[in-house]
Amino acid sequence: MTFRGTLVFYESPRRIAEFCFILSEVIGDQEALAVKEISKLHEARYFGCLKELAILLSAQENRGEWVLVVHKVSGQVKEKVTINSLDDIYHHFIEDHSLSKNHIRKIIQTRKN
């Protein structure tokens, strides 16, 4: 499946860096814009590839509201994965993304909170 368009995400400050990394694994390392406190007095913008943004944003203390804009996504989007159990999640990320079980657990725990 090919997707062309602009993706806009609203994400919490404690999950924005990890979300950039996960999104880069799903759609590829696309160029993106991360905006902190959009349209407010202390607005800050960060532009780069998703993996660069993940590294940059994980190295700083993030507060406030975050908006992530991924523009003109193109190319092949990976096939849809059916998840029926926690074992399916582990299998997918271990096999397809070479992540460790501990890393996957941290991602799941972050998403629960």
PDB file of N, CA and C in Angstrom:
ATOM      1  N   MET A   1       0.844  -1.173   0.000  1.00  0.00           N
ATOM      2  CA  MET A   1       0.000   0.000   0.000  1.00  0.00           C
ATOM      3  C   MET A   1       0.891   1.237   0.000  1.00  0.00           C
ATOM      4  N   THR A   2       0.582   2.201  -0.844  1.00  0.00           N
ATOM      5  CA  THR A   2       1.316   3.454  -0.915  1.00  0.00           C
ATOM      6  C   THR A   2       0.460   4.557  -0.313  1.00  0.00           C
ATOM      7  N   PHE A   3       1.078   5.392   0.485  1.00  0.00           N
ATOM      8  CA  PHE A   3       0.365   6.496   1.116  1.00  0.00           C
ATOM      9  C   PHE A   3       1.077   7.798   0.793  1.00  0.00           C
ATOM     10  N   ARG A   4       0.318   8.762   0.336  1.00  0.00           N
ATOM     11  CA  ARG A   4       0.884  10.087   0.076  1.00  0.00           C
ATOM     12  C   ARG A   4      -0.010  11.106   0.761  1.00  0.00           C
ATOM     13  N   GLY A   5       0.576  11.926   1.578  1.00  0.00           N
ATOM     14  CA  GLY A   5      -0.202  12.936   2.277  1.00  0.00           C
ATOM     15  C   GLY A   5       0.545  13.462   3.480  1.00  0.00           C
ATOM     16  N   THR A   6      -0.144  14.210   4.306  1.00  0.00           N
ATOM     17  CA  THR A   6       0.431  14.785   5.506  1.00  0.00           C
ATOM     18  C   THR A   6      -0.191  14.121   6.720  1.00  0.00           C
ATOM     19  N   LEU A   7       0.645  13.697   7.649  1.00  0.00           N
ATOM     20  CA  LEU A   7       0.179  13.094   8.887  1.00  0.00           C
ATOM     21  C   LEU A   7       0.408  14.090  10.022  1.00  0.00           C
ATOM     22  N   VAL A   8      -0.593  14.242  10.881  1.00  0.00           N
ATOM     23  CA  VAL A   8      -0.488  15.142  12.027  1.00  0.00           C
ATOM     24  C   VAL A   8      -0.848  14.357  13.277  1.00  0.00           C
ATOM     25  N   PHE A   9       0.041  14.417  14.282  1.00  0.00           N
ATOM     26  CA  PHE A   9      -0.166  13.688  15.523  1.00  0.00           C
ATOM     27  C   PHE A   9      -0.050  14.651  16.698  1.00  0.00           C
ATOM     28  N   TYR A  10      -0.864  14.436  17.707  1.00  0.00           N
ATOM     29  CA  TYR A  10      -0.768  15.143  18.973  1.00  0.00           C
ATOM     30  C   TYR A  10      -0.232  14.133  19.972  1.00  0.00           C
ATOM     31  N   GLU A  11       0.867  14.457  20.653  1.00  0.00           N
ATOM     32  CA  GLU A  11       1.496  13.485  21.551  1.00  0.00           C
ATOM     33  C   GLU A  11       1.922  14.153  22.846  1.00  0.00           C
ATOM     34  N   SER A  12       1.963  13.355  23.899  1.00  0.00           N
ATOM     35  CA  SER A  12       2.349  13.872  25.211  1.00  0.00           C
ATOM     36  C   SER A  12       3.860  14.111  25.263  1.00  0.00           C
ATOM     37  N   PRO A  13       4.308  14.993  26.154  1.00  0.00           N
ATOM     38  CA  PRO A  13       5.737  15.298  26.221  1.00  0.00           C
ATOM     39  C   PRO A  13       6.602  14.110  26.635  1.00  0.00           C
ATOM     40  N   ARG A  14       6.064  13.207  27.438  1.00  0.00           N
ATOM     41  CA  ARG A  14       6.893  12.078  27.878  1.00  0.00           C
ATOM     42  C   ARG A  14       6.941  10.956  26.848  1.00  0.00           C
ATOM     43  N   ARG A  15       6.125  11.025  25.790  1.00  0.00           N
ATOM     44  CA  ARG A  15       6.128   9.962  24.783  1.00  0.00           C
ATOM     45  C   ARG A  15       6.579  10.426  23.411  1.00  0.00           C
ATOM     46  N   ILE A  16       6.837  11.718  23.223  1.00  0.00           N
ATOM     47  CA  ILE A  16       7.114  12.246  21.880  1.00  0.00           C
ATOM     48  C   ILE A  16       8.369  11.627  21.261  1.00  0.00           C
ATOM     49  N   ALA A  17       9.445  11.469  22.009  1.00  0.00           N
ATOM     50  CA  ALA A  17      10.683  10.913  21.447  1.00  0.00           C
ATOM     51  C   ALA A  17      10.491   9.462  21.013  1.00  0.00           C
ATOM     52  N   GLU A  18       9.897   8.650  21.881  1.00  0.00           N
ATOM     53  CA  GLU A  18       9.669   7.240  21.559  1.00  0.00           C
ATOM     54  C   GLU A  18       8.691   7.098  20.393  1.00  0.00           C
ATOM     55  N   PHE A  19       7.699   7.988  20.328  1.00  0.00           N
ATOM     56  CA  PHE A  19       6.742   7.944  19.225  1.00  0.00           C
ATOM     57  C   PHE A  19       7.441   8.220  17.895  1.00  0.00           C
ATOM     58  N   CYS A  20       8.369   9.167  17.870  1.00  0.00           N
ATOM     59  CA  CYS A  20       9.119   9.456  16.642  1.00  0.00           C
ATOM     60  C   CYS A  20       9.891   8.226  16.185  1.00  0.00           C
ATOM     61  N   PHE A  21      10.505   7.526  17.141  1.00  0.00           N
ATOM     62  CA  PHE A  21      11.258   6.322  16.793  1.00  0.00           C
ATOM     63  C   PHE A  21      10.343   5.238  16.240  1.00  0.00           C
ATOM     64  N   ILE A  22       9.244   4.975  16.924  1.00  0.00           N
ATOM     65  CA  ILE A  22       8.307   3.934  16.488  1.00  0.00           C
ATOM     66  C   ILE A  22       7.733   4.270  15.116  1.00  0.00           C
ATOM     67  N   LEU A  23       7.356   5.529  14.915  1.00  0.00           N
ATOM     68  CA  LEU A  23       6.806   5.940  13.624  1.00  0.00           C
ATOM     69  C   LEU A  23       7.838   5.765  12.510  1.00  0.00           C
ATOM     70  N   SER A  24       9.106   6.038  12.805  1.00  0.00           N
ATOM     71  CA  SER A  24      10.146   5.851  11.781  1.00  0.00           C
ATOM     72  C   SER A  24      10.282   4.379  11.397  1.00  0.00           C
ATOM     73  N   GLU A  25      10.032   3.490  12.352  1.00  0.00           N
ATOM     74  CA  GLU A  25      10.085   2.058  12.064  1.00  0.00           C
ATOM     75  C   GLU A  25       8.893   1.616  11.205  1.00  0.00           C
ATOM     76  N   VAL A  26       7.763   2.288  11.363  1.00  0.00           N
ATOM     77  CA  VAL A  26       6.553   1.900  10.640  1.00  0.00           C
ATOM     78  C   VAL A  26       6.520   2.483   9.227  1.00  0.00           C
ATOM     79  N   ILE A  27       6.806   3.786   9.084  1.00  0.00           N
ATOM     80  CA  ILE A  27       6.671   4.434   7.778  1.00  0.00           C
ATOM     81  C   ILE A  27       7.997   4.796   7.136  1.00  0.00           C
ATOM     82  N   GLY A  28       9.090   4.534   7.826  1.00  0.00           N
ATOM     83  CA  GLY A  28      10.398   4.913   7.309  1.00  0.00           C
ATOM     84  C   GLY A  28      10.846   6.222   7.939  1.00  0.00           C
ATOM     85  N   ASP A  29      12.106   6.535   7.758  1.00  0.00           N
ATOM     86  CA  ASP A  29      12.694   7.714   8.389  1.00  0.00           C
ATOM     87  C   ASP A  29      12.377   8.977   7.587  1.00  0.00           C
ATOM     88  N   GLN A  30      11.126   9.382   7.633  1.00  0.00           N
ATOM     89  CA  GLN A  30      10.639  10.534   6.876  1.00  0.00           C
ATOM     90  C   GLN A  30      11.006  11.844   7.571  1.00  0.00           C
ATOM     91  N   GLU A  31      11.046  12.930   6.789  1.00  0.00           N
ATOM     92  CA  GLU A  31      11.250  14.251   7.384  1.00  0.00           C
ATOM     93  C   GLU A  31       9.995  14.657   8.129  1.00  0.00           C
ATOM     94  N   ALA A  32      10.197  15.338   9.263  1.00  0.00           N
ATOM     95  CA  ALA A  32       9.063  15.714  10.101  1.00  0.00           C
ATOM     96  C   ALA A  32       9.369  17.007  10.834  1.00  0.00           C
ATOM     97  N   LEU A  33       8.321  17.584  11.371  1.00  0.00           N
ATOM     98  CA  LEU A  33       8.407  18.799  12.176  1.00  0.00           C
ATOM     99  C   LEU A  33       7.740  18.512  13.508  1.00  0.00           C
ATOM    100  N   ALA A  34       8.481  18.700  14.595  1.00  0.00           N
ATOM    101  CA  ALA A  34       7.920  18.549  15.943  1.00  0.00           C
ATOM    102  C   ALA A  34       7.792  19.955  16.523  1.00  0.00           C
ATOM    103  N   VAL A  35       6.590  20.296  16.967  1.00  0.00           N
ATOM    104  CA  VAL A  35       6.350  21.639  17.497  1.00  0.00           C
ATOM    105  C   VAL A  35       5.857  21.529  18.931  1.00  0.00           C
ATOM    106  N   LYS A  36       6.562  22.211  19.810  1.00  0.00           N
ATOM    107  CA  LYS A  36       6.199  22.251  21.227  1.00  0.00           C
ATOM    108  C   LYS A  36       5.380  23.512  21.460  1.00  0.00           C
ATOM    109  N   GLU A  37       4.265  23.366  22.164  1.00  0.00           N
ATOM    110  CA  GLU A  37       3.410  24.514  22.514  1.00  0.00           C
ATOM    111  C   GLU A  37       3.037  25.327  21.263  1.00  0.00           C
ATOM    112  N   ILE A  38       2.489  24.652  20.270  1.00  0.00           N
ATOM    113  CA  ILE A  38       2.162  25.300  18.994  1.00  0.00           C
ATOM    114  C   ILE A  38       1.194  26.468  19.224  1.00  0.00           C
ATOM    115  N   SER A  39       1.459  27.560  18.583  1.00  0.00           N
ATOM    116  CA  SER A  39       0.683  28.809  18.622  1.00  0.00           C
ATOM    117  C   SER A  39       0.621  29.436  20.012  1.00  0.00           C
ATOM    118  N   LYS A  40       1.631  29.170  20.832  1.00  0.00           N
ATOM    119  CA  LYS A  40       1.691  29.766  22.162  1.00  0.00           C
ATOM    120  C   LYS A  40       2.976  30.572  22.305  1.00  0.00           C
ATOM    121  N   LEU A  41       3.091  31.284  23.393  1.00  0.00           N
ATOM    122  CA  LEU A  41       4.220  32.179  23.619  1.00  0.00           C
ATOM    123  C   LEU A  41       5.569  31.466  23.558  1.00  0.00           C
ATOM    124  N   HIS A  42       5.678  30.271  24.121  1.00  0.00           N
ATOM    125  CA  HIS A  42       6.953  29.556  24.181  1.00  0.00           C
ATOM    126  C   HIS A  42       7.053  28.455  23.124  1.00  0.00           C
ATOM    127  N   GLU A  43       6.509  28.715  21.948  1.00  0.00           N
ATOM    128  CA  GLU A  43       6.558  27.736  20.859  1.00  0.00           C
ATOM    129  C   GLU A  43       8.001  27.444  20.475  1.00  0.00           C
ATOM    130  N   ALA A  44       8.291  26.178  20.230  1.00  0.00           N
ATOM    131  CA  ALA A  44       9.615  25.769  19.761  1.00  0.00           C
ATOM    132  C   ALA A  44       9.424  24.736  18.655  1.00  0.00           C
ATOM    133  N   ARG A  45      10.247  24.840  17.592  1.00  0.00           N
ATOM    134  CA  ARG A  45      10.128  23.937  16.450  1.00  0.00           C
ATOM    135  C   ARG A  45      11.424  23.178  16.238  1.00  0.00           C
ATOM    136  N   TYR A  46      11.276  21.900  15.895  1.00  0.00           N
ATOM    137  CA  TYR A  46      12.419  21.038  15.610  1.00  0.00           C
ATOM    138  C   TYR A  46      12.121  20.310  14.303  1.00  0.00           C
ATOM    139  N   PHE A  47      13.046  20.412  13.352  1.00  0.00           N
ATOM    140  CA  PHE A  47      12.842  19.797  12.046  1.00  0.00           C
ATOM    141  C   PHE A  47      13.952  18.788  11.786  1.00  0.00           C
ATOM    142  N   GLY A  48      13.586  17.646  11.217  1.00  0.00           N
ATOM    143  CA  GLY A  48      14.578  16.639  10.849  1.00  0.00           C
ATOM    144  C   GLY A  48      13.893  15.328  10.537  1.00  0.00           C
ATOM    145  N   CYS A  49      14.685  14.315  10.274  1.00  0.00           N
ATOM    146  CA  CYS A  49      14.129  12.982  10.062  1.00  0.00           C
ATOM    147  C   CYS A  49      13.631  12.447  11.399  1.00  0.00           C
ATOM    148  N   LEU A  50      12.696  11.520  11.350  1.00  0.00           N
ATOM    149  CA  LEU A  50      12.072  11.014  12.573  1.00  0.00           C
ATOM    150  C   LEU A  50      13.084  10.454  13.569  1.00  0.00           C
ATOM    151  N   LYS A  51      14.071   9.717  13.095  1.00  0.00           N
ATOM    152  CA  LYS A  51      15.071   9.157  14.018  1.00  0.00           C
ATOM    153  C   LYS A  51      15.928  10.264  14.636  1.00  0.00           C
ATOM    154  N   GLU A  52      16.254  11.299  13.859  1.00  0.00           N
ATOM    155  CA  GLU A  52      16.994  12.443  14.401  1.00  0.00           C
ATOM    156  C   GLU A  52      16.180  13.134  15.484  1.00  0.00           C
ATOM    157  N   LEU A  53      14.881  13.308  15.216  1.00  0.00           N
ATOM    158  CA  LEU A  53      14.011  13.939  16.207  1.00  0.00           C
ATOM    159  C   LEU A  53      13.906  13.092  17.468  1.00  0.00           C
ATOM    160  N   ALA A  54      13.845  11.773  17.301  1.00  0.00           N
ATOM    161  CA  ALA A  54      13.773  10.876  18.462  1.00  0.00           C
ATOM    162  C   ALA A  54      14.995  11.065  19.353  1.00  0.00           C
ATOM    163  N   ILE A  55      16.163  11.138  18.753  1.00  0.00           N
ATOM    164  CA  ILE A  55      17.402  11.320  19.518  1.00  0.00           C
ATOM    165  C   ILE A  55      17.431  12.701  20.164  1.00  0.00           C
ATOM    166  N   LEU A  56      17.104  13.725  19.394  1.00  0.00           N
ATOM    167  CA  LEU A  56      17.114  15.099  19.903  1.00  0.00           C
ATOM    168  C   LEU A  56      16.135  15.280  21.061  1.00  0.00           C
ATOM    169  N   LEU A  57      14.926  14.786  20.900  1.00  0.00           N
ATOM    170  CA  LEU A  57      13.895  14.992  21.916  1.00  0.00           C
ATOM    171  C   LEU A  57      14.100  14.116  23.147  1.00  0.00           C
ATOM    172  N   SER A  58      14.774  12.982  22.995  1.00  0.00           N
ATOM    173  CA  SER A  58      15.030  12.132  24.167  1.00  0.00           C
ATOM    174  C   SER A  58      16.144  12.703  25.029  1.00  0.00           C
ATOM    175  N   ALA A  59      16.952  13.586  24.472  1.00  0.00           N
ATOM    176  CA  ALA A  59      18.079  14.161  25.201  1.00  0.00           C
ATOM    177  C   ALA A  59      17.708  15.401  26.009  1.00  0.00           C
ATOM    178  N   GLN A  60      16.462  15.807  25.941  1.00  0.00           N
ATOM    179  CA  GLN A  60      16.060  17.008  26.678  1.00  0.00           C
ATOM    180  C   GLN A  60      14.800  16.752  27.484  1.00  0.00           C
ATOM    181  N   GLU A  61      14.554  17.648  28.419  1.00  0.00           N
ATOM    182  CA  GLU A  61      13.343  17.548  29.222  1.00  0.00           C
ATOM    183  C   GLU A  61      12.198  18.135  28.406  1.00  0.00           C
ATOM    184  N   ASN A  62      11.186  17.341  28.148  1.00  0.00           N
ATOM    185  CA  ASN A  62      10.067  17.785  27.330  1.00  0.00           C
ATOM    186  C   ASN A  62       8.860  18.059  28.204  1.00  0.00           C
ATOM    187  N   ARG A  63       8.325  19.234  28.053  1.00  0.00           N
ATOM    188  CA  ARG A  63       7.098  19.609  28.746  1.00  0.00           C
ATOM    189  C   ARG A  63       6.172  20.244  27.725  1.00  0.00           C
ATOM    190  N   GLY A  64       4.917  20.342  28.083  1.00  0.00           N
ATOM    191  CA  GLY A  64       3.961  21.009  27.215  1.00  0.00           C
ATOM    192  C   GLY A  64       3.384  20.093  26.154  1.00  0.00           C
ATOM    193  N   GLU A  65       2.568  20.667  25.313  1.00  0.00           N
ATOM    194  CA  GLU A  65       1.888  19.922  24.253  1.00  0.00           C
ATOM    195  C   GLU A  65       2.803  19.816  23.029  1.00  0.00           C
ATOM    196  N   TRP A  66       2.750  18.661  22.369  1.00  0.00           N
ATOM    197  CA  TRP A  66       3.567  18.432  21.185  1.00  0.00           C
ATOM    198  C   TRP A  66       2.692  18.056  19.999  1.00  0.00           C
ATOM    199  N   VAL A  67       3.023  18.609  18.847  1.00  0.00           N
ATOM    200  CA  VAL A  67       2.382  18.251  17.585  1.00  0.00           C
ATOM    201  C   VAL A  67       3.500  17.796  16.649  1.00  0.00           C
ATOM    202  N   LEU A  68       3.283  16.651  16.018  1.00  0.00           N
ATOM    203  CA  LEU A  68       4.251  16.111  15.068  1.00  0.00           C
ATOM    204  C   LEU A  68       3.600  16.094  13.693  1.00  0.00           C
ATOM    205  N   VAL A  69       4.272  16.708  12.722  1.00  0.00           N
ATOM    206  CA  VAL A  69       3.754  16.775  11.357  1.00  0.00           C
ATOM    207  C   VAL A  69       4.742  16.057  10.443  1.00  0.00           C
ATOM    208  N   VAL A  70       4.250  15.035   9.748  1.00  0.00           N
ATOM    209  CA  VAL A  70       5.060  14.290   8.782  1.00  0.00           C
ATOM    210  C   VAL A  70       4.456  14.595   7.420  1.00  0.00           C
ATOM    211  N   HIS A  71       5.232  15.235   6.567  1.00  0.00           N
ATOM    212  CA  HIS A  71       4.694  15.718   5.300  1.00  0.00           C
ATOM    213  C   HIS A  71       5.119  14.846   4.129  1.00  0.00           C
ATOM    214  N   LYS A  72       4.186  14.639   3.227  1.00  0.00           N
ATOM    215  CA  LYS A  72       4.430  13.919   1.973  1.00  0.00           C
ATOM    216  C   LYS A  72       5.058  12.550   2.197  1.00  0.00           C
ATOM    217  N   VAL A  73       4.420  11.765   3.007  1.00  0.00           N
ATOM    218  CA  VAL A  73       4.870  10.394   3.201  1.00  0.00           C
ATOM    219  C   VAL A  73       4.656   9.666   1.885  1.00  0.00           C
ATOM    220  N   SER A  74       5.670   8.968   1.427  1.00  0.00           N
ATOM    221  CA  SER A  74       5.524   8.246   0.167  1.00  0.00           C
ATOM    222  C   SER A  74       6.269   6.929   0.250  1.00  0.00           C
ATOM    223  N   GLY A  75       6.045   6.099  -0.720  1.00  0.00           N
ATOM    224  CA  GLY A  75       6.697   4.805  -0.745  1.00  0.00           C
ATOM    225  C   GLY A  75       5.827   3.746  -0.112  1.00  0.00           C
ATOM    226  N   GLN A  76       6.416   2.607   0.121  1.00  0.00           N
ATOM    227  CA  GLN A  76       5.671   1.477   0.662  1.00  0.00           C
ATOM    228  C   GLN A  76       5.502   1.607   2.171  1.00  0.00           C
ATOM    229  N   VAL A  77       4.282   1.511   2.617  1.00  0.00           N
ATOM    230  CA  VAL A  77       4.003   1.413   4.039  1.00  0.00           C
ATOM    231  C   VAL A  77       3.968  -0.080   4.336  1.00  0.00           C
ATOM    232  N   LYS A  78       4.571  -0.474   5.440  1.00  0.00           N
ATOM    233  CA  LYS A  78       4.624  -1.901   5.761  1.00  0.00           C
ATOM    234  C   LYS A  78       3.228  -2.467   5.905  1.00  0.00           C
ATOM    235  N   GLU A  79       3.118  -3.752   5.608  1.00  0.00           N
ATOM    236  CA  GLU A  79       1.815  -4.411   5.670  1.00  0.00           C
ATOM    237  C   GLU A  79       1.237  -4.351   7.081  1.00  0.00           C
ATOM    238  N   LYS A  80      -0.072  -4.385   7.158  1.00  0.00           N
ATOM    239  CA  LYS A  80      -0.761  -4.337   8.439  1.00  0.00           C
ATOM    240  C   LYS A  80      -0.486  -5.619   9.213  1.00  0.00           C
ATOM    241  N   VAL A  81      -0.220  -5.453  10.500  1.00  0.00           N
ATOM    242  CA  VAL A  81       0.082  -6.585  11.364  1.00  0.00           C
ATOM    243  C   VAL A  81      -1.118  -6.834  12.261  1.00  0.00           C
ATOM    244  N   THR A  82      -1.548  -8.087  12.353  1.00  0.00           N
ATOM    245  CA  THR A  82      -2.650  -8.449  13.229  1.00  0.00           C
ATOM    246  C   THR A  82      -2.077  -8.843  14.581  1.00  0.00           C
ATOM    247  N   ILE A  83      -2.542  -8.161  15.618  1.00  0.00           N
ATOM    248  CA  ILE A  83      -2.074  -8.420  16.970  1.00  0.00           C
ATOM    249  C   ILE A  83      -3.250  -8.954  17.783  1.00  0.00           C
ATOM    250  N   ASN A  84      -3.141 -10.178  18.238  1.00  0.00           N
ATOM    251  CA  ASN A  84      -4.186 -10.792  19.052  1.00  0.00           C
ATOM    252  C   ASN A  84      -3.753 -11.030  20.488  1.00  0.00           C
ATOM    253  N   SER A  85      -2.444 -10.941  20.734  1.00  0.00           N
ATOM    254  CA  SER A  85      -1.958 -11.206  22.082  1.00  0.00           C
ATOM    255  C   SER A  85      -0.628 -10.490  22.288  1.00  0.00           C
ATOM    256  N   LEU A  86      -0.171 -10.486  23.525  1.00  0.00           N
ATOM    257  CA  LEU A  86       1.124  -9.899  23.851  1.00  0.00           C
ATOM    258  C   LEU A  86       2.243 -10.647  23.134  1.00  0.00           C
ATOM    259  N   ASP A  87       2.093 -11.947  22.973  1.00  0.00           N
ATOM    260  CA  ASP A  87       3.101 -12.731  22.247  1.00  0.00           C
ATOM    261  C   ASP A  87       3.219 -12.289  20.794  1.00  0.00           C
ATOM    262  N   ASP A  88       2.103 -11.902  20.172  1.00  0.00           N
ATOM    263  CA  ASP A  88       2.131 -11.392  18.799  1.00  0.00           C
ATOM    264  C   ASP A  88       2.937 -10.095  18.720  1.00  0.00           C
ATOM    265  N   ILE A  89       2.790  -9.247  19.732  1.00  0.00           N
ATOM    266  CA  ILE A  89       3.540  -7.984  19.770  1.00  0.00           C
ATOM    267  C   ILE A  89       5.032  -8.282  19.875  1.00  0.00           C
ATOM    268  N   TYR A  90       5.390  -9.142  20.829  1.00  0.00           N
ATOM    269  CA  TYR A  90       6.796  -9.499  20.983  1.00  0.00           C
ATOM    270  C   TYR A  90       7.360 -10.081  19.694  1.00  0.00           C
ATOM    271  N   HIS A  91       6.650 -11.023  19.095  1.00  0.00           N
ATOM    272  CA  HIS A  91       7.121 -11.679  17.876  1.00  0.00           C
ATOM    273  C   HIS A  91       7.350 -10.647  16.765  1.00  0.00           C
ATOM    274  N   HIS A  92       6.389  -9.778  16.550  1.00  0.00           N
ATOM    275  CA  HIS A  92       6.500  -8.781  15.486  1.00  0.00           C
ATOM    276  C   HIS A  92       7.720  -7.886  15.676  1.00  0.00           C
ATOM    277  N   PHE A  93       7.873  -7.326  16.869  1.00  0.00           N
ATOM    278  CA  PHE A  93       8.963  -6.378  17.080  1.00  0.00           C
ATOM    279  C   PHE A  93      10.326  -7.048  17.218  1.00  0.00           C
ATOM    280  N   ILE A  94      10.376  -8.267  17.704  1.00  0.00           N
ATOM    281  CA  ILE A  94      11.649  -8.976  17.784  1.00  0.00           C
ATOM    282  C   ILE A  94      12.097  -9.402  16.395  1.00  0.00           C
ATOM    283  N   GLU A  95      11.192  -9.988  15.619  1.00  0.00           N
ATOM    284  CA  GLU A  95      11.531 -10.494  14.281  1.00  0.00           C
ATOM    285  C   GLU A  95      11.720  -9.379  13.257  1.00  0.00           C
ATOM    286  N   ASP A  96      10.769  -8.436  13.199  1.00  0.00           N
ATOM    287  CA  ASP A  96      10.782  -7.426  12.139  1.00  0.00           C
ATOM    288  C   ASP A  96      11.601  -6.188  12.468  1.00  0.00           C
ATOM    289  N   HIS A  97      11.808  -5.912  13.747  1.00  0.00           N
ATOM    290  CA  HIS A  97      12.475  -4.661  14.114  1.00  0.00           C
ATOM    291  C   HIS A  97      13.714  -4.865  14.978  1.00  0.00           C
ATOM    292  N   SER A  98      14.058  -6.102  15.269  1.00  0.00           N
ATOM    293  CA  SER A  98      15.259  -6.441  16.043  1.00  0.00           C
ATOM    294  C   SER A  98      15.319  -5.730  17.394  1.00  0.00           C
ATOM    295  N   LEU A  99      14.160  -5.598  18.033  1.00  0.00           N
ATOM    296  CA  LEU A  99      14.118  -5.000  19.361  1.00  0.00           C
ATOM    297  C   LEU A  99      14.153  -6.099  20.410  1.00  0.00           C
ATOM    298  N   SER A 100      14.709  -5.781  21.563  1.00  0.00           N
ATOM    299  CA  SER A 100      14.759  -6.767  22.647  1.00  0.00           C
ATOM    300  C   SER A 100      13.419  -6.802  23.372  1.00  0.00           C
ATOM    301  N   LYS A 101      13.179  -7.878  24.081  1.00  0.00           N
ATOM    302  CA  LYS A 101      11.943  -8.025  24.843  1.00  0.00           C
ATOM    303  C   LYS A 101      11.848  -6.940  25.924  1.00  0.00           C
ATOM    304  N   ASN A 102      12.972  -6.586  26.546  1.00  0.00           N
ATOM    305  CA  ASN A 102      12.971  -5.526  27.561  1.00  0.00           C
ATOM    306  C   ASN A 102      12.588  -4.183  26.962  1.00  0.00           C
ATOM    307  N   HIS A 103      13.097  -3.884  25.766  1.00  0.00           N
ATOM    308  CA  HIS A 103      12.763  -2.625  25.099  1.00  0.00           C
ATOM    309  C   HIS A 103      11.263  -2.581  24.781  1.00  0.00           C
ATOM    310  N   ILE A 104      10.732  -3.690  24.329  1.00  0.00           N
ATOM    311  CA  ILE A 104       9.307  -3.768  24.004  1.00  0.00           C
ATOM    312  C   ILE A 104       8.474  -3.562  25.268  1.00  0.00           C
ATOM    313  N   ARG A 105       8.892  -4.176  26.373  1.00  0.00           N
ATOM    314  CA  ARG A 105       8.173  -4.001  27.646  1.00  0.00           C
ATOM    315  C   ARG A 105       8.142  -2.537  28.065  1.00  0.00           C
ATOM    316  N   LYS A 106       9.272  -1.834  27.892  1.00  0.00           N
ATOM    317  CA  LYS A 106       9.332  -0.406  28.250  1.00  0.00           C
ATOM    318  C   LYS A 106       8.368   0.407  27.400  1.00  0.00           C
ATOM    319  N   ILE A 107       8.292   0.097  26.113  1.00  0.00           N
ATOM    320  CA  ILE A 107       7.360   0.795  25.221  1.00  0.00           C
ATOM    321  C   ILE A 107       5.922   0.554  25.674  1.00  0.00           C
ATOM    322  N   ILE A 108       5.599  -0.691  25.978  1.00  0.00           N
ATOM    323  CA  ILE A 108       4.235  -1.030  26.413  1.00  0.00           C
ATOM    324  C   ILE A 108       3.910  -0.340  27.724  1.00  0.00           C
ATOM    325  N   GLN A 109       4.836  -0.329  28.680  1.00  0.00           N
ATOM    326  CA  GLN A 109       4.594   0.327  29.950  1.00  0.00           C
ATOM    327  C   GLN A 109       4.398   1.822  29.773  1.00  0.00           C
ATOM    328  N   THR A 110       5.163   2.442  28.874  1.00  0.00           N
ATOM    329  CA  THR A 110       5.015   3.864  28.600  1.00  0.00           C
ATOM    330  C   THR A 110       3.642   4.158  28.025  1.00  0.00           C
ATOM    331  N   ARG A 111       3.175   3.306  27.126  1.00  0.00           N
ATOM    332  CA  ARG A 111       1.866   3.508  26.489  1.00  0.00           C
ATOM    333  C   ARG A 111       0.727   3.328  27.470  1.00  0.00           C
ATOM    334  N   LYS A 112       0.906   2.449  28.490  1.00  0.00           N
ATOM    335  CA  LYS A 112      -0.140   2.238  29.483  1.00  0.00           C
ATOM    336  C   LYS A 112      -0.343   3.480  30.344  1.00  0.00           C
ATOM    337  N   ASN A 113       0.758   4.185  30.624  1.00  0.00           N
ATOM    338  CA  ASN A 113       0.693   5.360  31.487  1.00  0.00           C
ATOM    339  C   ASN A 113       0.230   6.501  30.680  1.00  0.00           C
TER     340      ASN A 113
END
